[in-house]
Protein backbone atom coordinates (compact mmCIF):
# COMPACT_ATOMS: atom_id res chain seq x y z
CA UNK A 1 -41.11 -76.88 -1.01
CA UNK A 2 -40.66 -74.44 -3.89
CA UNK A 3 -41.42 -71.43 -1.68
CA UNK A 4 -38.89 -72.65 0.85
CA UNK A 5 -36.24 -73.14 -1.82
CA UNK A 6 -36.81 -69.67 -3.22
CA UNK A 7 -36.65 -67.90 0.14
CA UNK A 8 -33.58 -69.77 1.27
CA UNK A 9 -31.08 -68.66 -1.37
CA UNK A 10 -27.65 -70.22 -1.61
CA UNK A 11 -26.08 -66.94 -0.58
CA UNK A 12 -28.10 -66.85 2.62
CA UNK A 13 -27.30 -70.44 3.47
CA UNK A 14 -23.57 -69.76 3.29
CA UNK A 15 -23.84 -67.43 6.28
CA UNK A 16 -24.50 -70.35 8.60
CA UNK A 17 -23.24 -73.34 6.64
CA UNK A 18 -20.34 -74.04 8.97
CA UNK A 19 -22.63 -74.11 11.99
CA UNK A 20 -25.55 -75.96 10.44
CA UNK A 21 -23.25 -78.76 9.30
CA UNK A 22 -22.55 -79.50 12.98
CA UNK A 23 -26.09 -79.15 14.30
CA UNK A 24 -28.00 -82.28 15.22
CA UNK A 25 -31.49 -83.03 16.32
CA UNK A 26 -30.77 -85.42 19.12
CA UNK A 27 -30.94 -89.17 18.65
CA UNK A 28 -31.63 -90.70 22.07
CA UNK A 29 -29.86 -93.89 21.09
CA UNK A 30 -27.92 -95.12 18.07
CA UNK A 31 -29.53 -97.22 15.35
CA UNK A 32 -28.17 -98.04 11.90
CA UNK A 33 -30.16 -96.65 9.02
CA UNK A 34 -32.38 -98.89 6.90
CA UNK A 35 -34.55 -97.94 3.90
CA UNK A 36 -36.70 -100.71 2.44
CA UNK A 37 -40.09 -101.52 0.92
CA UNK A 38 -42.48 -103.22 3.35
CA UNK A 39 -46.07 -104.50 3.15
CA UNK A 40 -48.38 -102.97 5.75
CA UNK A 41 -52.13 -102.85 6.53
CA UNK A 42 -52.30 -99.53 4.61
CA UNK A 43 -50.50 -101.01 1.61
CA UNK A 44 -46.85 -101.09 0.53
CA UNK A 45 -44.70 -98.28 1.82
CA UNK A 46 -41.06 -97.29 1.87
CA UNK A 47 -39.79 -97.49 5.42
CA UNK A 48 -36.95 -95.34 6.73
CA UNK A 49 -35.71 -96.62 10.08
CA UNK A 50 -32.74 -95.71 12.28
CA UNK A 51 -30.60 -92.61 12.71
CA UNK A 52 -31.02 -89.77 10.20
CA UNK A 53 -27.58 -89.87 8.63
CA UNK A 54 -26.00 -88.00 5.74
CA UNK A 55 -27.14 -89.61 2.50
CA UNK A 56 -30.54 -90.71 3.82
CA UNK A 57 -32.44 -88.21 1.66
CA UNK A 58 -30.67 -89.32 -1.52
CA UNK A 59 -31.34 -92.98 -0.72
CA UNK A 60 -35.00 -92.23 -0.02
CA UNK A 61 -35.32 -90.26 -3.26
CA UNK A 62 -33.84 -93.20 -5.17
CA UNK A 63 -36.22 -95.66 -3.47
CA UNK A 64 -39.23 -93.53 -4.42
CA UNK A 65 -37.94 -93.12 -7.98
CA UNK A 66 -37.55 -96.86 -8.60
CA UNK A 67 -40.91 -97.60 -6.93
CA UNK A 68 -43.21 -95.04 -8.60
CA UNK A 69 -46.34 -96.89 -7.50
CA UNK A 70 -45.57 -96.39 -3.81
CA UNK A 71 -46.89 -93.13 -2.39
CA UNK A 72 -46.44 -93.81 1.32
CA UNK A 73 -43.34 -93.46 3.51
CA UNK A 74 -42.98 -94.76 7.06
CA UNK A 75 -40.57 -92.98 9.40
CA UNK A 76 -39.11 -94.50 12.58
CA UNK A 77 -36.12 -92.70 14.07
CA UNK A 78 -34.76 -91.08 17.23
CA UNK A 79 -33.20 -88.26 15.18
CA UNK A 80 -29.83 -87.34 13.74
CA UNK A 81 -28.51 -84.77 11.25
CA UNK A 82 -30.58 -81.57 11.13
CA UNK A 83 -29.53 -80.81 7.56
CA UNK A 84 -30.55 -84.30 6.47
CA UNK A 85 -33.92 -83.82 8.13
CA UNK A 86 -34.54 -80.75 5.97
CA UNK A 87 -33.42 -82.73 2.91
CA UNK A 88 -35.79 -85.62 3.67
CA UNK A 89 -38.66 -83.14 3.97
CA UNK A 90 -37.79 -81.85 0.51
CA UNK A 91 -37.90 -85.39 -0.92
CA UNK A 92 -41.30 -86.14 0.64
CA UNK A 93 -42.61 -82.83 -0.68
CA UNK A 94 -41.28 -83.41 -4.19
CA UNK A 95 -42.95 -86.83 -4.41
CA UNK A 96 -46.17 -85.71 -2.63
CA UNK A 97 -46.19 -88.80 -0.44
CA UNK A 98 -48.20 -89.64 2.67
CA UNK A 99 -46.01 -89.96 5.77
CA UNK A 100 -46.76 -92.54 8.46
CA UNK A 101 -45.47 -93.09 11.98
CA UNK A 102 -46.40 -96.71 12.75
CA UNK A 103 -48.05 -97.78 16.02
CA UNK A 104 -45.66 -98.13 18.98
CA UNK A 105 -42.97 -96.26 17.00
CA UNK A 106 -41.33 -92.86 17.32
CA UNK A 107 -40.21 -90.12 14.95
CA UNK A 108 -38.23 -87.54 16.92
CA UNK A 109 -36.28 -84.35 16.15
CA UNK A 110 -34.62 -84.60 12.69
CA UNK A 111 -37.09 -87.34 11.76
CA UNK A 112 -39.97 -85.00 12.67
CA UNK A 113 -38.64 -82.34 10.31
CA UNK A 114 -38.53 -84.91 7.54
CA UNK A 115 -42.08 -86.01 8.37
CA UNK A 116 -43.39 -82.46 7.96
CA UNK A 117 -42.41 -82.41 4.28
CA UNK A 118 -45.12 -84.92 3.35
CA UNK A 119 -48.33 -84.27 1.44
CA UNK A 120 -50.43 -85.83 4.22
CA UNK A 121 -49.72 -86.95 7.78
CA UNK A 122 -50.66 -90.10 9.69
CA UNK A 123 -49.51 -90.38 13.31
CA UNK A 124 -50.14 -93.74 14.98
CA UNK A 125 -47.03 -93.61 17.16
CA UNK A 126 -45.13 -90.62 18.60
CA UNK A 127 -44.00 -87.46 16.77
CA UNK A 128 -41.57 -85.26 18.74
CA UNK A 129 -40.25 -81.78 17.88
CA UNK A 130 -37.46 -79.96 19.71
CA UNK A 131 -34.57 -77.52 19.35
CA UNK A 132 -31.34 -78.40 17.62
CA UNK A 133 -28.12 -78.43 19.60
CA UNK A 134 -24.36 -78.71 19.16
CA UNK A 135 -22.12 -81.39 20.58
CA UNK A 136 -19.72 -79.91 23.14
CA UNK A 137 -16.68 -80.63 20.98
CA UNK A 138 -18.28 -78.80 18.04
CA UNK A 139 -19.35 -75.88 20.22
CA UNK A 140 -15.78 -75.32 21.38
CA UNK A 141 -14.59 -75.00 17.77
CA UNK A 142 -17.00 -72.23 16.75
CA UNK A 143 -16.35 -68.51 16.92
CA UNK A 144 -18.86 -66.38 18.83
CA UNK A 145 -19.97 -64.49 15.71
CA UNK A 146 -20.40 -67.75 13.80
CA UNK A 147 -22.60 -69.15 16.55
CA UNK A 148 -24.68 -65.96 16.69
CA UNK A 149 -25.14 -65.76 12.92
CA UNK A 150 -25.87 -69.46 12.68
CA UNK A 151 -28.43 -69.35 15.48
CA UNK A 152 -30.23 -66.41 13.90
CA UNK A 153 -30.10 -68.10 10.51
CA UNK A 154 -31.52 -71.31 11.89
CA UNK A 155 -34.39 -69.46 13.55
CA UNK A 156 -35.35 -67.79 10.28
CA UNK A 157 -34.88 -70.96 8.30
CA UNK A 158 -37.07 -72.95 10.67
CA UNK A 159 -39.83 -70.34 10.56
CA UNK A 160 -39.80 -70.39 6.75
CA UNK A 161 -39.84 -74.18 6.80
CA UNK A 162 -42.98 -74.35 8.95
CA UNK A 163 -44.80 -71.74 6.88
CA UNK A 164 -43.76 -73.37 3.59
CA UNK A 165 -45.46 -76.56 4.74
CA UNK A 166 -48.62 -74.81 5.92
CA UNK A 167 -48.07 -74.67 9.69
CA UNK A 168 -48.74 -71.81 12.07
CA UNK A 169 -45.71 -69.95 13.37
CA UNK A 170 -47.06 -70.61 16.84
CA UNK A 171 -45.72 -74.18 16.63
CA UNK A 172 -42.01 -73.35 16.09
CA UNK A 173 -42.36 -70.62 18.73
CA UNK A 174 -43.65 -73.19 21.24
CA UNK A 175 -40.89 -75.63 20.30
CA UNK A 176 -38.14 -72.97 20.49
CA UNK A 177 -39.27 -71.55 23.82
CA UNK A 178 -39.93 -74.78 25.73
CA UNK A 179 -37.75 -77.64 24.50
CA UNK A 180 -34.12 -78.53 24.99
CA UNK A 181 -31.80 -81.38 23.97
CA UNK A 182 -33.71 -83.99 25.95
CA UNK A 183 -37.30 -82.70 25.82
CA UNK A 184 -39.88 -82.58 23.06
CA UNK A 185 -43.28 -81.27 22.08
CA UNK A 186 -45.10 -84.55 21.52
CA UNK A 187 -48.00 -85.53 19.29
CA UNK A 188 -49.55 -88.99 19.57
CA UNK A 189 -52.32 -88.57 17.00
CA UNK A 190 -52.83 -86.80 13.70
CA UNK A 191 -55.71 -84.53 14.76
CA UNK A 192 -53.69 -83.00 17.59
CA UNK A 193 -50.84 -82.23 15.19
CA UNK A 194 -53.15 -80.85 12.50
CA UNK A 195 -54.57 -78.13 14.76
CA UNK A 196 -51.41 -76.22 13.80
CA UNK A 197 -51.93 -76.76 10.07
CA UNK A 198 -53.46 -73.49 8.85
CA UNK A 199 -53.13 -73.52 5.08
CA UNK A 200 -56.49 -73.21 3.35
CA UNK A 201 -57.74 -72.58 -0.17
CA UNK A 202 -57.20 -68.83 0.11
CA UNK A 203 -54.02 -69.23 2.18
CA UNK A 204 -54.18 -65.83 3.90
CA UNK A 205 -50.95 -65.05 5.74
CA UNK A 206 -52.76 -64.09 8.95
CA UNK A 207 -53.60 -67.78 9.46
CA UNK A 208 -49.93 -68.43 10.13
CA UNK A 209 -49.75 -65.72 12.78
CA UNK A 210 -53.03 -66.33 14.62
CA UNK A 211 -52.93 -68.24 17.94
CA UNK A 212 -54.59 -71.65 17.95
CA UNK A 213 -55.76 -71.33 21.53
CA UNK A 214 -53.38 -73.77 23.19
CA UNK A 215 -52.86 -73.07 26.89
CA UNK A 216 -50.64 -74.19 29.78
CA UNK A 217 -52.68 -77.35 30.26
CA UNK A 218 -52.08 -78.31 26.65
CA UNK A 219 -48.37 -77.49 26.95
CA UNK A 220 -47.95 -79.49 30.16
CA UNK A 221 -49.51 -82.53 28.51
CA UNK A 222 -47.34 -82.27 25.38
CA UNK A 223 -43.90 -81.35 26.77
CA UNK A 224 -42.18 -84.70 27.39
CA UNK A 225 -38.65 -85.82 28.26
CA UNK A 226 -37.05 -88.73 26.45
CA UNK A 227 -37.83 -90.86 29.51
CA UNK A 228 -41.51 -89.95 29.17
CA UNK A 229 -41.39 -91.03 25.52
CA UNK A 230 -39.79 -94.37 26.43
CA UNK A 231 -42.30 -95.01 29.19
CA UNK A 232 -45.17 -94.23 26.83
CA UNK A 233 -43.93 -96.69 24.20
CA UNK A 234 -43.43 -99.34 26.89
CA UNK A 235 -46.98 -98.78 28.17
CA UNK A 236 -48.35 -99.51 24.68
CA UNK A 237 -46.77 -102.96 24.70
CA UNK A 238 -48.23 -103.96 28.07
């Protein structure tokens, strides 16, 4: 995350701070937040479940600090605060942990941003990426210029975020151009997700700009609504 921190200076963040504070990555239903140590088939891990709320990153950082032997984090959430999603990604990056989405579980929107900060990725459930949005009451309070500056700032910030974690810029472009509040680009396994991971030993910048070869068939099979996600999870339990 050091590259990301450097590029996103405090001065630049102030341009859109008022807007970003209101942005959310949509939770499809409300769940209270819970961070705890659990035993799993892959060993002990710190589990973060429920809405991504303000303070989650600090609590997760504390849990990892007091449990230095645990290098795995499980994420199960419908989404929440966009800013907190970025902060969780920073925590996972700082501790170089492996991130897991358990079977029959979901990690959507803000949770997905947090997931991308990890050192390695393990998707056994559903990972879903989509655009941020504003609640109607927040949208009505913002000036036009603030919205425009904030939107541009978020686009740049997101692009830097993906590159900082080794992902092709094609992925945020797909997410930005196809998803809305209630639709997601979905990954149900690690290999599918990792086709967009382009960092290599030499780390040439052209890797981040080169198309991966995904086509309309791929897009149609990965662009899901929240109902599609629910139906998929239900099908796994039958």
